[in-house]
N, C-alpha and C. Protein backbone atom coordinates (compact mmCIF):
# COMPACT_ATOMS: atom_id res chain seq x y z
N MET A 1 -10.26 18.11 11.27
CA MET A 1 -8.83 18.70 11.83
C MET A 1 -7.77 17.81 11.97
N PRO A 2 -6.64 18.07 11.35
CA PRO A 2 -5.68 17.06 11.46
C PRO A 2 -4.95 16.93 12.81
N ILE A 3 -4.52 15.77 13.18
CA ILE A 3 -3.85 15.77 14.56
C ILE A 3 -2.44 15.29 14.32
N ARG A 4 -1.96 15.06 13.08
CA ARG A 4 -0.58 14.75 12.82
C ARG A 4 -0.07 15.54 11.73
N TYR A 5 1.02 16.13 11.89
CA TYR A 5 1.91 16.96 11.04
C TYR A 5 3.25 16.29 10.73
N LEU A 6 4.02 16.91 9.85
CA LEU A 6 5.32 16.52 9.36
C LEU A 6 6.11 16.06 10.77
N GLU A 7 6.15 16.85 11.76
CA GLU A 7 6.96 16.68 12.78
C GLU A 7 6.52 15.40 13.76
N ASP A 8 5.32 14.91 13.46
CA ASP A 8 4.93 13.70 14.28
C ASP A 8 5.49 12.44 13.58
N PHE A 9 6.22 12.47 12.53
CA PHE A 9 6.73 11.29 11.82
C PHE A 9 8.25 11.30 11.75
N SER A 10 8.93 10.16 11.88
CA SER A 10 10.35 10.10 11.87
C SER A 10 10.77 8.95 11.36
N PRO A 11 11.98 8.99 10.37
CA PRO A 11 12.66 7.87 9.93
C PRO A 11 12.70 6.76 11.05
N GLY A 12 12.39 5.53 10.56
CA GLY A 12 12.22 4.35 11.47
C GLY A 12 10.96 4.00 11.96
N ASP A 13 10.00 4.94 11.82
CA ASP A 13 8.60 4.77 12.47
C ASP A 13 8.05 3.70 11.51
N VAL A 14 7.26 2.71 12.03
CA VAL A 14 6.75 1.51 11.29
C VAL A 14 5.37 1.34 11.84
N TRP A 15 4.55 1.04 10.76
CA TRP A 15 3.00 0.67 11.15
C TRP A 15 2.86 -0.76 10.45
N SER A 16 2.52 -1.74 11.25
CA SER A 16 2.00 -3.01 10.75
C SER A 16 0.59 -3.08 11.11
N PHE A 17 -0.26 -3.60 10.01
CA PHE A 17 -1.63 -3.73 10.35
C PHE A 17 -2.10 -5.15 10.51
N GLU A 18 -3.25 -5.37 10.65
CA GLU A 18 -3.81 -6.63 10.59
C GLU A 18 -3.82 -7.25 9.47
N PRO A 19 -3.56 -8.66 9.23
CA PRO A 19 -3.50 -9.24 7.93
C PRO A 19 -4.88 -9.33 7.35
N TRP A 20 -4.93 -9.18 5.96
CA TRP A 20 -6.17 -9.33 5.35
C TRP A 20 -6.10 -10.52 4.46
N LYS A 21 -7.32 -11.03 4.09
CA LYS A 21 -7.38 -12.20 3.03
C LYS A 21 -8.49 -11.82 1.93
N LEU A 22 -8.21 -12.42 0.85
CA LEU A 22 -9.24 -12.32 -0.26
C LEU A 22 -9.82 -13.64 -0.60
N SER A 23 -11.17 -13.49 -0.84
CA SER A 23 -11.82 -14.80 -1.09
C SER A 23 -11.73 -14.81 -2.78
N GLU A 24 -11.99 -16.08 -3.24
CA GLU A 24 -11.88 -16.00 -4.72
C GLU A 24 -13.10 -15.20 -5.32
N ASN A 25 -14.27 -15.01 -4.61
CA ASN A 25 -15.22 -13.99 -5.03
C ASN A 25 -14.63 -12.80 -5.04
N ASP A 26 -13.83 -12.19 -4.07
CA ASP A 26 -13.29 -10.92 -3.85
C ASP A 26 -12.37 -10.73 -5.23
N ILE A 27 -11.36 -11.69 -5.50
CA ILE A 27 -10.64 -11.61 -6.60
C ILE A 27 -11.21 -11.32 -7.82
N VAL A 28 -12.32 -12.26 -8.05
CA VAL A 28 -13.06 -12.19 -9.21
C VAL A 28 -13.65 -10.90 -9.52
N ALA A 29 -14.35 -10.51 -8.46
CA ALA A 29 -15.35 -9.35 -8.62
C ALA A 29 -14.53 -7.96 -8.64
N PHE A 30 -13.34 -7.95 -8.12
CA PHE A 30 -12.32 -6.82 -8.20
C PHE A 30 -11.85 -6.82 -9.70
N ALA A 31 -11.31 -8.07 -10.19
CA ALA A 31 -10.79 -8.05 -11.47
C ALA A 31 -11.94 -7.88 -12.69
N GLU A 32 -13.08 -8.17 -12.40
CA GLU A 32 -14.17 -7.84 -13.40
C GLU A 32 -14.25 -6.56 -13.86
N ILE A 33 -14.07 -5.78 -12.77
CA ILE A 33 -14.16 -4.19 -12.92
C ILE A 33 -12.87 -3.57 -13.29
N HIS A 34 -11.83 -3.87 -12.65
CA HIS A 34 -10.58 -3.22 -12.78
C HIS A 34 -9.34 -3.99 -13.41
N ASP A 35 -9.46 -5.33 -13.63
CA ASP A 35 -8.34 -5.92 -14.10
C ASP A 35 -8.78 -7.34 -14.88
N PRO A 36 -9.52 -7.19 -15.78
CA PRO A 36 -10.28 -8.38 -16.36
C PRO A 36 -9.41 -9.33 -17.36
N GLN A 37 -8.42 -9.84 -16.65
CA GLN A 37 -7.43 -10.80 -17.29
C GLN A 37 -7.99 -12.26 -16.66
N THR A 38 -7.92 -13.36 -17.45
CA THR A 38 -8.26 -14.46 -17.08
C THR A 38 -7.67 -15.01 -15.79
N MET A 39 -6.39 -14.83 -15.60
CA MET A 39 -5.69 -15.22 -14.26
C MET A 39 -6.32 -14.64 -13.09
N HIS A 40 -7.21 -13.65 -13.42
CA HIS A 40 -7.80 -13.10 -12.23
C HIS A 40 -9.50 -13.32 -12.13
N THR A 41 -10.00 -13.68 -13.30
CA THR A 41 -11.36 -13.79 -13.41
C THR A 41 -12.14 -15.18 -13.71
N ASP A 42 -11.27 -16.08 -14.07
CA ASP A 42 -11.73 -17.32 -14.62
C ASP A 42 -10.87 -18.29 -14.09
N PRO A 43 -11.32 -19.09 -12.94
CA PRO A 43 -10.70 -20.05 -12.24
C PRO A 43 -10.13 -21.17 -13.00
N GLU A 44 -11.00 -21.83 -13.97
CA GLU A 44 -10.64 -22.89 -14.82
C GLU A 44 -9.48 -22.42 -15.82
N ALA A 45 -9.59 -21.33 -16.46
CA ALA A 45 -8.48 -20.94 -17.20
C ALA A 45 -7.26 -20.48 -16.70
N ALA A 46 -7.42 -19.96 -15.29
CA ALA A 46 -6.27 -19.71 -14.57
C ALA A 46 -5.49 -20.83 -13.96
N ALA A 47 -6.30 -22.00 -13.86
CA ALA A 47 -5.62 -23.41 -13.49
C ALA A 47 -4.79 -23.87 -14.52
N ALA A 48 -5.05 -23.50 -15.76
CA ALA A 48 -4.35 -24.01 -16.81
C ALA A 48 -3.17 -23.12 -17.19
N GLY A 49 -3.13 -21.94 -16.46
CA GLY A 49 -2.37 -20.87 -16.96
C GLY A 49 -0.83 -20.96 -16.13
N ALA A 50 -0.20 -19.87 -16.44
CA ALA A 50 1.18 -19.83 -15.82
C ALA A 50 1.23 -19.96 -14.28
N TYR A 51 0.29 -19.62 -13.71
CA TYR A 51 0.17 -19.37 -12.07
C TYR A 51 -0.42 -20.61 -11.59
N GLY A 52 -1.06 -21.53 -12.24
CA GLY A 52 -1.65 -22.92 -11.87
C GLY A 52 -2.95 -22.57 -10.96
N GLY A 53 -3.36 -21.50 -11.19
CA GLY A 53 -4.70 -21.17 -10.38
C GLY A 53 -4.89 -19.78 -10.31
N LEU A 54 -6.04 -19.16 -9.79
CA LEU A 54 -6.51 -17.88 -9.67
C LEU A 54 -5.58 -17.14 -8.88
N ILE A 55 -5.14 -15.89 -9.25
CA ILE A 55 -4.32 -14.86 -8.54
C ILE A 55 -5.07 -13.71 -8.41
N ALA A 56 -4.87 -12.93 -7.25
CA ALA A 56 -5.32 -11.48 -7.38
C ALA A 56 -4.59 -10.50 -8.09
N SER A 57 -5.34 -9.59 -8.71
CA SER A 57 -4.71 -8.63 -9.42
C SER A 57 -3.68 -7.78 -8.58
N GLY A 58 -2.58 -7.50 -9.02
CA GLY A 58 -1.69 -6.77 -8.23
C GLY A 58 -2.10 -5.46 -7.94
N TRP A 59 -3.11 -4.80 -8.52
CA TRP A 59 -3.70 -3.68 -8.41
C TRP A 59 -4.70 -3.76 -6.88
N GLN A 60 -5.27 -5.01 -6.80
CA GLN A 60 -5.91 -5.32 -5.51
C GLN A 60 -5.07 -5.42 -4.34
N THR A 61 -3.95 -5.92 -4.58
CA THR A 61 -2.98 -6.28 -3.59
C THR A 61 -2.54 -4.91 -3.11
N ALA A 62 -2.03 -4.10 -4.10
CA ALA A 62 -1.53 -2.64 -3.70
C ALA A 62 -2.69 -1.89 -2.81
N LEU A 63 -3.82 -2.03 -3.33
CA LEU A 63 -4.85 -1.11 -2.51
C LEU A 63 -5.14 -1.77 -1.18
N GLY A 64 -5.02 -3.18 -1.03
CA GLY A 64 -5.20 -3.78 0.15
C GLY A 64 -4.17 -3.35 1.34
N THR A 65 -3.06 -3.04 0.71
CA THR A 65 -1.83 -2.78 1.68
C THR A 65 -1.81 -1.28 1.86
N VAL A 66 -2.18 -0.47 0.96
CA VAL A 66 -2.09 1.00 1.26
C VAL A 66 -3.35 1.49 1.91
N THR A 67 -4.54 0.96 1.90
CA THR A 67 -5.70 1.41 2.46
C THR A 67 -5.53 1.53 4.05
N PRO A 68 -5.09 0.38 4.73
CA PRO A 68 -5.07 0.63 6.21
C PRO A 68 -4.27 1.96 6.55
N PHE A 69 -3.09 2.12 5.99
CA PHE A 69 -2.33 3.16 6.42
C PHE A 69 -3.14 4.62 6.27
N LEU A 70 -3.84 4.58 4.92
CA LEU A 70 -4.45 5.88 4.69
C LEU A 70 -5.67 5.89 5.61
N ARG A 71 -6.36 4.86 5.99
CA ARG A 71 -7.68 5.03 6.84
C ARG A 71 -7.04 5.37 8.22
N GLU A 72 -6.08 4.62 8.68
CA GLU A 72 -5.91 4.85 10.20
C GLU A 72 -4.66 5.82 10.58
N VAL A 73 -3.93 6.22 9.49
CA VAL A 73 -2.97 7.25 9.68
C VAL A 73 -3.18 8.49 8.89
N MET A 74 -3.13 8.40 7.66
CA MET A 74 -3.25 9.59 6.88
C MET A 74 -4.44 10.43 6.77
N ARG A 75 -5.59 9.82 7.18
CA ARG A 75 -6.79 10.39 7.30
C ARG A 75 -6.91 11.60 8.36
N GLU A 76 -6.01 11.44 9.42
CA GLU A 76 -5.86 12.46 10.58
C GLU A 76 -4.59 13.27 10.19
N THR A 77 -4.04 13.13 9.20
CA THR A 77 -2.69 13.83 9.00
C THR A 77 -2.83 14.99 7.93
N ALA A 78 -2.22 16.15 8.18
CA ALA A 78 -2.29 17.31 7.33
C ALA A 78 -1.55 17.08 6.10
N SER A 79 -2.00 15.95 5.33
CA SER A 79 -1.52 15.64 4.10
C SER A 79 -2.06 16.50 2.70
N LEU A 80 -1.18 16.88 1.98
CA LEU A 80 -1.53 17.76 1.01
C LEU A 80 -1.65 17.01 -0.39
N ALA A 81 -0.82 15.96 -0.48
CA ALA A 81 -0.99 15.24 -1.69
C ALA A 81 0.22 14.12 -1.69
N SER A 82 0.12 13.23 -2.62
CA SER A 82 1.38 12.22 -2.99
C SER A 82 1.59 12.53 -4.42
N PRO A 83 2.66 12.82 -4.92
CA PRO A 83 3.07 13.09 -6.12
C PRO A 83 3.39 11.65 -6.78
N GLY A 84 3.57 10.60 -6.07
CA GLY A 84 3.54 9.18 -6.56
C GLY A 84 4.39 8.48 -5.90
N PHE A 85 4.86 7.29 -6.71
CA PHE A 85 5.78 6.20 -6.14
C PHE A 85 6.96 6.14 -7.06
N ASP A 86 8.15 6.07 -6.49
CA ASP A 86 9.38 6.04 -7.12
C ASP A 86 9.72 4.52 -7.51
N THR A 87 9.11 3.47 -6.77
CA THR A 87 9.41 2.13 -7.05
C THR A 87 7.92 1.55 -6.78
N PHE A 88 7.69 0.51 -7.56
CA PHE A 88 6.20 -0.19 -7.37
C PHE A 88 6.63 -1.53 -8.03
N LYS A 89 6.55 -2.63 -7.03
CA LYS A 89 7.15 -4.01 -7.48
C LYS A 89 5.89 -4.98 -7.12
N TRP A 90 5.52 -5.73 -7.96
CA TRP A 90 4.79 -6.91 -7.74
C TRP A 90 5.79 -7.99 -7.59
N ILE A 91 6.02 -8.78 -6.64
CA ILE A 91 7.05 -9.72 -6.29
C ILE A 91 6.43 -11.20 -6.39
N LYS A 92 5.27 -11.33 -5.92
CA LYS A 92 4.84 -12.77 -5.91
C LYS A 92 3.25 -12.82 -5.85
N PRO A 93 2.72 -13.69 -6.46
CA PRO A 93 1.04 -13.61 -6.74
C PRO A 93 0.54 -14.02 -5.34
N VAL A 94 -0.61 -13.36 -5.10
CA VAL A 94 -1.45 -13.40 -4.06
C VAL A 94 -2.76 -14.36 -4.45
N ARG A 95 -2.95 -15.46 -3.50
CA ARG A 95 -3.95 -16.24 -3.76
C ARG A 95 -5.16 -16.18 -2.80
N ALA A 96 -6.18 -16.81 -3.06
CA ALA A 96 -7.47 -16.54 -2.13
C ALA A 96 -7.14 -17.40 -0.85
N GLY A 97 -7.57 -16.74 0.05
CA GLY A 97 -7.29 -17.37 1.59
C GLY A 97 -6.03 -17.10 2.16
N GLN A 98 -4.98 -16.54 1.30
CA GLN A 98 -3.51 -16.29 1.73
C GLN A 98 -3.79 -14.95 2.63
N PRO A 99 -3.13 -15.07 3.85
CA PRO A 99 -3.08 -13.92 4.74
C PRO A 99 -1.98 -12.87 4.27
N ILE A 100 -2.28 -11.61 4.14
CA ILE A 100 -1.41 -10.59 3.77
C ILE A 100 -1.27 -9.54 4.71
N THR A 101 0.03 -9.24 5.37
CA THR A 101 0.14 -8.23 6.38
C THR A 101 0.67 -7.07 5.64
N PRO A 102 0.02 -5.73 5.73
CA PRO A 102 0.53 -4.52 5.32
C PRO A 102 1.41 -4.00 6.27
N ARG A 103 2.45 -3.32 5.80
CA ARG A 103 3.40 -2.72 6.65
C ARG A 103 3.82 -1.50 6.06
N VAL A 104 4.16 -0.30 6.70
CA VAL A 104 4.61 1.01 6.34
C VAL A 104 5.75 1.34 7.12
N ASP A 105 6.89 1.58 6.34
CA ASP A 105 8.09 2.04 7.20
C ASP A 105 8.37 3.46 6.72
N ILE A 106 8.57 4.40 7.55
CA ILE A 106 8.98 6.06 7.27
C ILE A 106 10.60 5.84 6.99
N LEU A 107 10.97 6.10 5.74
CA LEU A 107 12.36 6.27 5.54
C LEU A 107 12.86 7.59 5.63
N GLU A 108 12.13 8.64 5.37
CA GLU A 108 12.96 9.94 5.51
C GLU A 108 11.88 10.98 5.80
N THR A 109 12.00 12.10 6.49
CA THR A 109 11.20 13.31 6.52
C THR A 109 12.16 14.56 6.53
N ARG A 110 11.63 15.62 5.80
CA ARG A 110 12.50 16.71 5.72
C ARG A 110 11.64 17.88 5.30
N GLN A 111 11.87 19.05 5.88
CA GLN A 111 11.10 20.33 5.66
C GLN A 111 11.45 20.82 4.30
N SER A 112 10.51 21.41 3.45
CA SER A 112 10.84 22.05 2.14
C SER A 112 11.65 23.28 2.34
N LYS A 113 12.57 23.43 1.54
CA LYS A 113 13.31 24.75 1.49
C LYS A 113 12.63 25.71 0.82
N SER A 114 12.03 25.27 -0.31
CA SER A 114 11.13 26.37 -0.98
C SER A 114 9.79 26.58 -0.30
N LYS A 115 9.23 25.84 0.43
CA LYS A 115 7.88 25.96 0.92
C LYS A 115 8.00 25.55 2.46
N PRO A 116 8.56 26.31 3.40
CA PRO A 116 8.72 25.93 4.71
C PRO A 116 7.45 25.51 5.64
N ASP A 117 6.35 25.82 5.04
CA ASP A 117 5.07 25.28 5.81
C ASP A 117 4.71 23.78 5.48
N ARG A 118 5.67 23.26 4.81
CA ARG A 118 5.41 21.85 4.34
C ARG A 118 6.71 21.19 4.37
N GLY A 119 6.45 19.73 4.10
CA GLY A 119 7.83 18.85 3.94
C GLY A 119 7.30 17.50 3.42
N ILE A 120 8.39 16.78 3.16
CA ILE A 120 8.17 15.43 2.46
C ILE A 120 8.46 14.35 3.33
N MET A 121 7.47 13.35 3.30
CA MET A 121 7.67 12.12 4.10
C MET A 121 8.02 10.84 2.95
N ARG A 122 9.06 10.35 2.94
CA ARG A 122 9.28 9.26 2.07
C ARG A 122 9.00 7.99 2.67
N LEU A 123 8.22 7.06 2.28
CA LEU A 123 7.94 5.79 2.98
C LEU A 123 7.97 4.78 1.93
N ARG A 124 7.94 3.34 2.62
CA ARG A 124 8.01 2.25 1.84
C ARG A 124 6.65 1.48 2.39
N PHE A 125 5.87 0.97 1.44
CA PHE A 125 4.84 0.25 1.58
C PHE A 125 5.24 -1.16 1.25
N SER A 126 4.81 -2.17 2.13
CA SER A 126 5.19 -3.73 2.05
C SER A 126 3.75 -4.48 2.24
N ALA A 127 3.67 -5.60 1.43
CA ALA A 127 2.75 -6.61 1.68
C ALA A 127 3.37 -7.79 1.87
N MET A 128 3.24 -8.56 3.07
CA MET A 128 4.07 -9.66 3.40
C MET A 128 3.02 -10.95 3.39
N ASP A 129 3.45 -11.94 2.88
CA ASP A 129 2.82 -13.28 3.03
C ASP A 129 2.87 -13.73 4.30
N ASP A 130 2.14 -14.98 4.56
CA ASP A 130 2.28 -15.66 5.92
C ASP A 130 3.51 -16.12 6.34
N GLY A 131 4.45 -16.25 5.27
CA GLY A 131 5.93 -16.55 5.77
C GLY A 131 6.74 -15.43 5.96
N GLY A 132 6.27 -14.42 5.74
CA GLY A 132 7.14 -12.97 5.99
C GLY A 132 7.76 -12.57 4.71
N GLU A 133 7.39 -13.10 3.74
CA GLU A 133 8.07 -12.78 2.47
C GLU A 133 7.33 -11.67 1.72
N PRO A 134 7.92 -10.77 1.16
CA PRO A 134 7.11 -9.59 0.42
C PRO A 134 6.44 -10.14 -0.79
N VAL A 135 5.25 -9.66 -1.14
CA VAL A 135 4.47 -9.92 -2.37
C VAL A 135 4.30 -8.64 -3.21
N TRP A 136 4.43 -7.56 -2.49
CA TRP A 136 4.45 -6.23 -3.09
C TRP A 136 5.08 -5.17 -2.30
N GLU A 137 5.95 -4.27 -2.97
CA GLU A 137 6.48 -3.07 -2.34
C GLU A 137 6.49 -1.93 -3.16
N ALA A 138 6.35 -0.82 -2.60
CA ALA A 138 6.43 0.54 -3.33
C ALA A 138 7.08 1.52 -2.30
N GLU A 139 7.78 2.58 -2.98
CA GLU A 139 8.26 3.51 -2.26
C GLU A 139 7.85 4.77 -2.93
N GLY A 140 7.49 5.78 -2.10
CA GLY A 140 7.02 7.02 -2.70
C GLY A 140 7.08 7.98 -1.50
N VAL A 141 6.51 9.10 -1.82
CA VAL A 141 6.48 10.30 -0.74
C VAL A 141 5.00 10.93 -0.76
N PHE A 142 4.91 11.43 0.47
CA PHE A 142 3.76 12.40 0.61
C PHE A 142 4.13 13.73 1.11
N ILE A 143 3.36 14.71 0.58
CA ILE A 143 3.74 16.12 1.11
C ILE A 143 2.64 16.38 2.18
N ILE A 144 3.31 16.88 3.45
CA ILE A 144 2.68 16.90 4.58
C ILE A 144 2.95 18.41 5.03
N LEU A 145 1.88 19.13 5.63
CA LEU A 145 2.01 20.29 6.25
C LEU A 145 2.93 20.17 7.62
N CYS A 146 3.62 21.23 7.78
CA CYS A 146 4.44 21.29 9.40
C CYS A 146 3.32 21.74 10.29
N ARG A 147 3.49 21.59 11.53
CA ARG A 147 2.73 22.08 12.58
C ARG A 147 2.61 23.64 12.53
N PRO A 148 1.39 24.19 12.48
CA PRO A 148 1.27 25.61 12.55
C PRO A 148 1.94 26.15 13.76
N GLY A 149 2.61 27.29 13.53
CA GLY A 149 3.38 27.79 14.76
C GLY A 149 4.77 27.09 15.17
N GLY A 150 4.82 26.03 14.41
CA GLY A 150 6.09 25.27 14.80
C GLY A 150 7.07 25.57 14.04
């Protein structure tokens, strides 16, 4: 049973989650399945490559950033779906042992004119390194039900 509806979100709301870190093994294991490029799977080849060492797949960075919000907020929200992201930017590589802090900012909420039982929540996901610099950002929307009877 959802406990959050569109009315429970407002522009300016921010969620910041505990930093996460990837080990070299985490990076390699993920990449071997989902992004098997040597910059992610082979420490020796990566050391000689453009980044001077092993880096996480950008997909792994994105998932590590989105997952806490989905788990801690959206799991208990009357969400119908997300039609996708309008922007999706890999800004800086993520390396093993580097703390990454996920953040979500609500940019807009509005009720649908054509389907008044639901609305749109526009948000920005950010992954910040230990210096507060973004390593990944994306903006997109979720479609969320309005509170019944509200």
